[in-house]
């Protein structure tokens, strides 16, 4: 039985990451491209919704149907073309815009993308109800998932993954002992 993971950031107040919000606002205004949003989302904490799903009910003594058993479920969005998407939110306010009864679970963008690929979803939809919806799909989705799972080398040639690493210290410049003279 799956368990709810421990919070990534125990003192998280549920606010959207300022850099992600700024990138999404600029994208919506047309002053930034999708790459700026992807860059901001790359290391961000997102909230994945979990909702109660009735699995069994019964008729009570007063003739009313009542819950007998329920499970927590990760909802998916199904597009008009039948493709599925995993939902994620930048903060609790955008989650409440979509569904006030959903419970947030913290996850990194990379973890959400890995889960989407594992579930055979075609995309991750961030902030589906606003303020600025954004879709992660295709090569970016697969690259984020591969970075999280450590399977970058298994990506096809159509996906390029750049890794940021600390630059090696530059070698010390040697100072030569001869003097330089200008022309007289």
Protein backbone atom coordinates (compact mmCIF):
# COMPACT_ATOMS: atom_id res chain seq x y z
CA UNK A 1 0.00 0.00 0.00
CA UNK A 2 1.55 3.36 -0.99
CA UNK A 3 2.20 5.83 1.75
CA UNK A 4 2.18 9.60 1.81
CA UNK A 5 5.79 10.80 1.75
CA UNK A 6 7.34 13.05 4.33
CA UNK A 7 7.31 16.74 3.35
CA UNK A 8 10.24 18.01 1.29
CA UNK A 9 10.15 21.28 3.21
CA UNK A 10 8.60 20.76 6.65
CA UNK A 11 7.89 24.47 7.24
CA UNK A 12 6.43 25.05 3.76
CA UNK A 13 3.47 27.44 3.97
CA UNK A 14 2.10 26.36 0.58
CA UNK A 15 2.95 29.59 -1.23
CA UNK A 16 4.01 29.45 -4.84
CA UNK A 17 7.72 29.83 -5.51
CA UNK A 18 8.34 33.49 -6.40
CA UNK A 19 10.60 32.69 -9.36
CA UNK A 20 8.05 30.25 -10.82
CA UNK A 21 5.19 32.75 -10.37
CA UNK A 22 7.28 35.48 -11.98
CA UNK A 23 8.19 33.25 -14.95
CA UNK A 24 4.56 32.18 -15.44
CA UNK A 25 3.35 35.80 -15.29
CA UNK A 26 5.98 36.89 -17.82
CA UNK A 27 5.07 33.93 -20.06
CA UNK A 28 1.39 34.87 -19.90
CA UNK A 29 2.23 38.49 -20.73
CA UNK A 30 4.37 37.43 -23.69
CA UNK A 31 7.58 38.83 -22.21
CA UNK A 32 9.16 35.42 -21.58
CA UNK A 33 9.19 32.16 -23.49
CA UNK A 34 8.42 28.65 -22.31
CA UNK A 35 12.12 28.07 -21.69
CA UNK A 36 12.07 30.62 -18.87
CA UNK A 37 9.19 28.78 -17.22
CA UNK A 38 10.92 25.41 -17.68
CA UNK A 39 14.08 26.84 -16.12
CA UNK A 40 12.15 28.15 -13.13
CA UNK A 41 10.23 24.89 -12.70
CA UNK A 42 13.36 22.73 -12.95
CA UNK A 43 14.21 22.92 -9.26
CA UNK A 44 10.84 23.96 -7.89
CA UNK A 45 8.56 22.34 -5.36
CA UNK A 46 5.10 21.61 -6.72
CA UNK A 47 1.98 20.35 -4.99
CA UNK A 48 0.34 17.20 -6.31
CA UNK A 49 -3.34 16.82 -5.42
CA UNK A 50 -4.68 13.79 -3.62
CA UNK A 51 -8.45 13.29 -3.33
CA UNK A 52 -10.68 10.82 -1.55
CA UNK A 53 -12.19 8.21 -3.86
CA UNK A 54 -15.20 6.25 -2.68
CA UNK A 55 -14.52 2.54 -3.19
CA UNK A 56 -17.47 1.05 -1.34
CA UNK A 57 -20.73 2.38 0.02
CA UNK A 58 -23.73 0.99 1.81
CA UNK A 59 -27.28 1.99 2.58
CA UNK A 60 -27.59 3.07 6.19
CA UNK A 61 -30.43 2.40 8.62
CA UNK A 62 -32.30 5.51 7.45
CA UNK A 63 -32.18 4.45 3.81
CA UNK A 64 -29.39 6.88 2.90
CA UNK A 65 -26.31 5.85 0.99
CA UNK A 66 -23.18 6.32 3.08
CA UNK A 67 -19.46 5.84 2.69
CA UNK A 68 -18.13 2.52 3.84
CA UNK A 69 -14.63 2.63 2.40
CA UNK A 70 -12.52 5.16 0.53
CA UNK A 71 -8.99 5.48 -0.77
CA UNK A 72 -6.77 8.41 -1.53
CA UNK A 73 -6.17 8.81 -5.26
CA UNK A 74 -4.03 10.88 -7.59
CA UNK A 75 -6.45 12.41 -10.11
CA UNK A 76 -5.55 12.67 -13.79
CA UNK A 77 -6.82 15.04 -16.41
CA UNK A 78 -8.06 13.46 -19.65
CA UNK A 79 -7.88 15.65 -22.73
CA UNK A 80 -10.35 15.77 -25.61
CA UNK A 81 -7.94 13.58 -27.57
CA UNK A 82 -7.91 10.94 -24.80
CA UNK A 83 -4.39 11.66 -23.59
CA UNK A 84 -3.90 11.71 -19.82
CA UNK A 85 -2.07 14.33 -17.79
CA UNK A 86 -0.91 14.47 -14.19
CA UNK A 87 -1.92 17.60 -12.32
CA UNK A 88 0.45 19.74 -10.27
CA UNK A 89 0.12 23.14 -8.66
CA UNK A 90 2.55 25.89 -7.77
CA UNK A 91 0.82 26.58 -4.46
CA UNK A 92 -2.23 25.91 -2.33
CA UNK A 93 -4.12 28.88 -3.77
CA UNK A 94 -3.96 27.53 -7.31
CA UNK A 95 -4.85 24.06 -5.97
CA UNK A 96 -7.95 25.50 -4.26
CA UNK A 97 -8.99 27.20 -7.51
CA UNK A 98 -9.17 23.73 -9.06
CA UNK A 99 -10.63 21.72 -6.19
CA UNK A 100 -10.92 23.01 -2.62
CA UNK A 101 -11.17 19.52 -1.07
CA UNK A 102 -7.91 18.21 -2.57
CA UNK A 103 -5.00 17.62 -0.24
CA UNK A 104 -1.52 18.75 -1.33
CA UNK A 105 1.53 16.49 -1.39
CA UNK A 106 4.90 18.15 -1.95
CA UNK A 107 7.04 16.92 -4.84
CA UNK A 108 9.75 18.35 -7.02
CA UNK A 109 8.98 19.06 -10.66
CA UNK A 110 11.34 16.23 -11.59
CA UNK A 111 9.47 13.80 -9.32
CA UNK A 112 6.11 14.84 -10.78
CA UNK A 113 7.42 14.33 -14.33
CA UNK A 114 8.86 10.94 -13.40
CA UNK A 115 5.48 9.91 -11.95
CA UNK A 116 3.72 11.11 -15.11
CA UNK A 117 5.99 9.05 -17.35
CA UNK A 118 5.59 6.04 -15.04
CA UNK A 119 1.78 6.41 -15.31
CA UNK A 120 2.04 6.68 -19.13
CA UNK A 121 0.64 10.20 -19.00
CA UNK A 122 1.41 12.47 -21.94
CA UNK A 123 1.88 15.62 -19.86
CA UNK A 124 1.99 17.40 -16.54
CA UNK A 125 -0.43 20.31 -16.36
CA UNK A 126 0.67 22.95 -13.86
CA UNK A 127 -2.04 25.20 -12.37
CA UNK A 128 -4.82 23.86 -14.60
CA UNK A 129 -7.36 26.33 -13.11
CA UNK A 130 -4.97 29.28 -13.18
CA UNK A 131 -3.74 31.81 -12.62
CA UNK A 132 -1.45 30.75 -15.52
CA UNK A 133 -1.79 27.15 -16.73
CA UNK A 134 1.36 25.59 -18.18
CA UNK A 135 1.94 22.19 -19.81
CA UNK A 136 5.12 20.10 -19.58
CA UNK A 137 5.09 17.46 -22.31
CA UNK A 138 7.13 15.70 -24.96
CA UNK A 139 10.88 15.82 -24.74
CA UNK A 140 10.92 18.14 -21.73
CA UNK A 141 8.67 15.77 -19.76
CA UNK A 142 10.84 12.78 -20.65
CA UNK A 143 14.06 14.67 -19.91
CA UNK A 144 12.87 15.81 -16.47
CA UNK A 145 11.73 12.25 -15.69
CA UNK A 146 15.05 10.80 -16.88
CA UNK A 147 17.06 13.24 -14.77
CA UNK A 148 15.06 12.21 -11.67
CA UNK A 149 15.36 8.49 -12.37
CA UNK A 150 18.99 8.63 -13.47
CA UNK A 151 18.21 7.18 -16.91
CA UNK A 152 19.33 10.12 -19.03
CA UNK A 153 21.51 7.84 -21.15
CA UNK A 154 18.38 5.94 -22.26
CA UNK A 155 16.75 8.97 -23.89
CA UNK A 156 16.58 8.96 -27.64
CA UNK A 157 18.53 11.35 -29.87
CA UNK A 158 15.50 13.69 -30.14
CA UNK A 159 15.98 14.75 -26.48
CA UNK A 160 18.95 16.74 -25.27
CA UNK A 161 19.65 17.07 -21.56
CA UNK A 162 22.09 19.65 -20.31
CA UNK A 163 23.56 19.10 -16.88
CA UNK A 164 24.76 21.96 -14.78
CA UNK A 165 27.93 21.14 -12.93
CA UNK A 166 30.32 23.17 -10.87
CA UNK A 167 33.06 24.46 -13.13
CA UNK A 168 36.50 23.05 -12.53
CA UNK A 169 38.86 25.54 -10.94
CA UNK A 170 40.81 27.34 -13.61
CA UNK A 171 44.55 26.71 -13.60
CA UNK A 172 46.62 29.50 -12.17
CA UNK A 173 48.08 31.72 -14.77
CA UNK A 174 51.79 31.57 -14.98
CA UNK A 175 53.60 34.82 -14.98
CA UNK A 176 56.69 34.74 -17.07
CA UNK A 177 59.82 36.41 -15.76
CA UNK A 178 60.85 38.45 -18.74
CA UNK A 179 59.90 42.09 -19.07
CA UNK A 180 57.94 43.35 -22.01
CA UNK A 181 59.22 46.49 -23.61
CA UNK A 182 57.39 48.82 -25.82
CA UNK A 183 58.93 50.38 -28.92
CA UNK A 184 60.84 53.60 -28.44
